[in-house]
Amino acid sequence: MPGNSNASGRIESDFQVKFTNETYEALRTFEDEITRRYDTKVFATVLQSALTSGAKSIVPDVRGKVPSQKFGTGRLRGAIRAKASRFMTPAAVVGISLGKRRSDRKGAWYAWIYTKGARPHTIETRRARFLHFGSKVVNRVEHPGFIGHPFIPSAVEAASPKLLTNTAKITNKFLVDDAFQQRILNIRSKQQGG
């Protein structure tokens, strides 16, 4: 399936960026350089920062792939975000934030329905006596269902070269920019409680 929902209320893509042999070699060289100067935890912190930055750089590209709706509010497009993964590190996630509740304007509570689709089903009244659809007033209606639009995997795949380029820029910046390097090392020391 092209997506799943996790405990943080975010629909994520099952797509993962595939590295070439050259990318693995470059990453291994970078890891060797960092672990020679520092410890392996610094490498993980730098890589996490680079992956998160790379993921954030492709958010506009993913937002551009949201299928346009004639009467859409833009809520789904605005709910696409990138952040560090909570469950696997170093890793970053690009997905749709569902929001805390249906009225939350920062999220798109219907994202799961939109990306996965809906089976045909019956909609019946719950608290009200009638359902109003334009000039029709009914007690129940048969919803025909619709096919989902799983746009995130293809959008992330299309933007993966940009993701890799921006991730590489951050890792290289760590090696050559002393101010940036100090900022990352300060983040690491704060994480350690020091």
Protein backbone atom coordinates (compact mmCIF):
# COMPACT_ATOMS: atom_id res chain seq x y z
CA MET A 1 0.00 0.00 0.00
CA PRO A 2 1.31 3.47 -0.80
CA GLY A 3 1.01 5.00 2.67
CA ASN A 4 0.26 4.38 6.27
CA SER A 5 -0.71 6.31 9.35
CA ASN A 6 1.49 6.34 12.40
CA ALA A 7 0.96 7.14 16.07
CA SER A 8 1.73 10.84 15.54
CA GLY A 9 -1.35 11.26 13.32
CA ARG A 10 0.57 11.67 10.08
CA ILE A 11 0.13 9.86 6.79
CA GLU A 12 3.53 8.82 5.55
CA SER A 13 4.81 7.43 2.33
CA ASP A 14 6.18 3.91 2.19
CA PHE A 15 8.60 5.22 -0.41
CA GLN A 16 12.24 5.24 0.61
CA VAL A 17 15.04 6.95 -1.26
CA LYS A 18 17.25 4.31 -2.84
CA PHE A 19 20.97 5.04 -2.69
CA THR A 20 23.36 4.21 -5.50
CA ASN A 21 26.77 2.64 -4.84
CA GLU A 22 28.38 6.08 -5.26
CA THR A 23 26.04 7.53 -2.64
CA TYR A 24 26.91 4.73 -0.22
CA GLU A 25 30.61 5.33 -0.82
CA ALA A 26 30.24 9.08 -0.23
CA LEU A 27 28.23 8.43 2.93
CA ARG A 28 30.79 5.90 4.18
CA THR A 29 33.64 8.40 3.51
CA PHE A 30 31.70 11.09 5.37
CA GLU A 31 31.06 8.74 8.28
CA ASP A 32 34.75 7.80 8.45
CA GLU A 33 35.75 11.48 8.46
CA ILE A 34 33.29 12.39 11.22
CA THR A 35 34.03 9.38 13.42
CA ARG A 36 37.76 10.06 13.03
CA ARG A 37 37.26 13.58 14.43
CA TYR A 38 34.33 12.91 16.79
CA ASP A 39 32.28 9.96 18.01
CA THR A 40 29.58 8.04 16.15
CA LYS A 41 26.78 9.94 17.90
CA VAL A 42 27.98 13.16 16.28
CA PHE A 43 27.72 11.43 12.89
CA ALA A 44 24.12 10.42 13.69
CA THR A 45 23.28 13.99 14.76
CA VAL A 46 24.77 15.50 11.59
CA LEU A 47 23.06 12.94 9.38
CA GLN A 48 19.73 13.51 11.17
CA SER A 49 20.05 17.25 10.68
CA ALA A 50 20.96 16.79 7.02
CA LEU A 51 18.08 14.38 6.33
CA THR A 52 15.54 16.63 8.05
CA SER A 53 16.80 19.65 6.13
CA GLY A 54 16.69 17.69 2.87
CA ALA A 55 13.13 16.52 3.60
CA LYS A 56 12.00 20.08 4.36
CA SER A 57 13.48 21.24 1.06
CA ILE A 58 11.15 18.98 -0.96
CA VAL A 59 7.93 19.96 0.84
CA PRO A 60 7.08 22.65 -1.79
CA ASP A 61 7.56 20.05 -4.55
CA VAL A 62 5.26 17.59 -2.78
CA ARG A 63 2.68 20.34 -2.17
CA GLY A 64 2.78 21.09 -5.90
CA LYS A 65 1.73 17.50 -6.65
CA VAL A 66 -1.52 17.69 -4.66
CA PRO A 67 -4.31 17.12 -7.19
CA SER A 68 -6.17 20.40 -7.56
CA GLN A 69 -9.78 20.57 -6.51
CA LYS A 70 -12.25 23.00 -8.07
CA PHE A 71 -13.63 24.07 -4.69
CA GLY A 72 -10.69 23.05 -2.51
CA THR A 73 -9.64 25.03 0.54
CA GLY A 74 -5.92 24.32 0.21
CA ARG A 75 -5.97 22.62 3.60
CA LEU A 76 -4.50 19.37 2.30
CA ARG A 77 -1.71 21.20 0.50
CA GLY A 78 -0.94 23.25 3.61
CA ALA A 79 -0.89 20.17 5.86
CA ILE A 80 2.12 18.60 4.10
CA ARG A 81 5.12 18.85 6.39
CA ALA A 82 8.54 17.34 6.99
CA LYS A 83 10.12 16.47 10.32
CA ALA A 84 12.58 14.13 11.95
CA SER A 85 11.24 10.62 12.40
CA ARG A 86 10.35 9.70 15.97
CA PHE A 87 10.57 5.97 15.46
CA MET A 88 13.67 5.45 13.36
CA THR A 89 16.80 7.59 13.43
CA PRO A 90 18.53 8.98 11.56
CA ALA A 91 15.52 9.45 9.29
CA ALA A 92 13.09 12.11 8.19
CA VAL A 93 9.41 11.97 7.26
CA VAL A 94 7.44 13.88 4.65
CA GLY A 95 3.71 13.46 5.19
CA ILE A 96 0.31 14.96 5.79
CA SER A 97 -0.41 16.25 9.25
CA LEU A 98 -3.91 15.16 10.24
CA GLY A 99 -4.38 17.72 13.00
CA LYS A 100 -5.54 17.12 16.54
CA ARG A 101 -9.26 17.39 15.74
CA ARG A 102 -11.54 18.00 12.82
CA SER A 103 -11.64 21.76 13.42
CA ASP A 104 -7.83 22.06 13.48
CA ARG A 105 -6.99 24.33 10.53
CA LYS A 106 -3.33 23.27 10.47
CA GLY A 107 -4.16 19.67 9.60
CA ALA A 108 -6.24 17.83 7.06
CA TRP A 109 -8.34 15.31 9.01
CA TYR A 110 -9.66 13.80 5.77
CA ALA A 111 -6.22 13.00 4.32
CA TRP A 112 -6.55 9.27 4.94
CA ILE A 113 -9.85 9.17 3.05
CA TYR A 114 -8.45 11.29 0.22
CA THR A 115 -5.28 9.22 -0.26
CA LYS A 116 -6.78 5.75 0.33
CA GLY A 117 -10.26 6.25 -1.10
CA ALA A 118 -13.61 5.14 0.29
CA ARG A 119 -15.80 2.13 -0.35
CA PRO A 120 -19.45 2.59 -1.23
CA HIS A 121 -21.38 3.08 2.01
CA THR A 122 -24.62 4.35 3.51
CA ILE A 123 -24.77 7.72 5.28
CA GLU A 124 -27.58 7.91 7.79
CA THR A 125 -28.78 10.60 10.15
CA ARG A 126 -27.36 10.47 13.67
CA ARG A 127 -28.48 13.43 15.73
CA ALA A 128 -30.47 15.38 13.15
CA ARG A 129 -33.77 14.22 11.73
CA PHE A 130 -32.79 14.79 8.10
CA LEU A 131 -29.80 15.13 5.79
CA HIS A 132 -29.82 18.15 3.48
CA PHE A 133 -28.18 17.93 0.06
CA GLY A 134 -29.03 21.11 -1.83
CA SER A 135 -32.79 21.03 -2.19
CA LYS A 136 -33.05 17.33 -1.24
CA VAL A 137 -34.00 16.32 2.29
CA VAL A 138 -33.51 12.63 3.13
CA ASN A 139 -32.95 10.24 6.07
CA ARG A 140 -30.21 8.26 4.35
CA VAL A 141 -28.10 8.39 1.23
CA GLU A 142 -25.95 5.82 -0.58
CA HIS A 143 -22.44 7.21 -1.08
CA PRO A 144 -20.89 5.74 -4.26
CA GLY A 145 -17.35 5.78 -2.85
CA PHE A 146 -14.30 6.95 -4.77
CA ILE A 147 -10.78 5.93 -5.70
CA GLY A 148 -8.02 7.41 -3.57
CA HIS A 149 -5.24 9.66 -4.83
CA PRO A 150 -1.97 8.44 -3.28
CA PHE A 151 0.14 11.34 -4.56
CA ILE A 152 2.84 11.40 -1.85
CA PRO A 153 4.96 8.40 -2.97
CA SER A 154 5.26 9.64 -6.56
CA ALA A 155 5.88 13.23 -5.43
CA VAL A 156 8.65 12.20 -3.02
CA GLU A 157 10.19 9.93 -5.65
CA ALA A 158 10.18 12.74 -8.22
CA ALA A 159 11.83 15.10 -5.71
CA SER A 160 14.39 12.56 -4.41
CA PRO A 161 17.32 14.00 -6.43
CA LYS A 162 16.70 17.37 -4.77
CA LEU A 163 16.47 15.66 -1.37
CA LEU A 164 19.82 13.91 -1.90
CA THR A 165 21.48 17.09 -3.16
CA ASN A 166 20.33 19.14 -0.17
CA THR A 167 21.28 16.39 2.27
CA ALA A 168 24.76 16.27 0.73
CA LYS A 169 25.07 20.07 0.99
CA ILE A 170 24.38 19.96 4.73
CA THR A 171 26.86 17.14 5.37
CA ASN A 172 29.54 18.97 3.36
CA LYS A 173 28.74 22.21 5.16
CA PHE A 174 29.44 20.48 8.46
CA LEU A 175 32.93 19.58 7.28
CA VAL A 176 33.90 23.03 5.96
CA ASP A 177 31.87 25.62 7.92
CA ASP A 178 33.13 26.04 11.49
CA ALA A 179 30.14 28.09 12.67
CA PHE A 180 27.69 25.49 11.37
CA GLN A 181 29.78 22.71 12.86
CA GLN A 182 29.73 24.43 16.25
CA ARG A 183 25.95 24.84 16.07
CA ILE A 184 25.46 21.11 15.41
CA LEU A 185 27.87 20.20 18.21
CA ASN A 186 25.96 22.51 20.57
CA ILE A 187 22.73 20.73 19.63
CA ARG A 188 24.43 17.44 20.43
CA SER A 189 25.64 18.68 23.84
CA LYS A 190 22.12 19.95 24.69
CA GLN A 191 20.69 16.54 23.79
CA GLN A 192 23.18 14.96 26.18
CA GLY A 193 22.07 17.38 28.91
CA GLY A 194 25.41 19.18 29.11
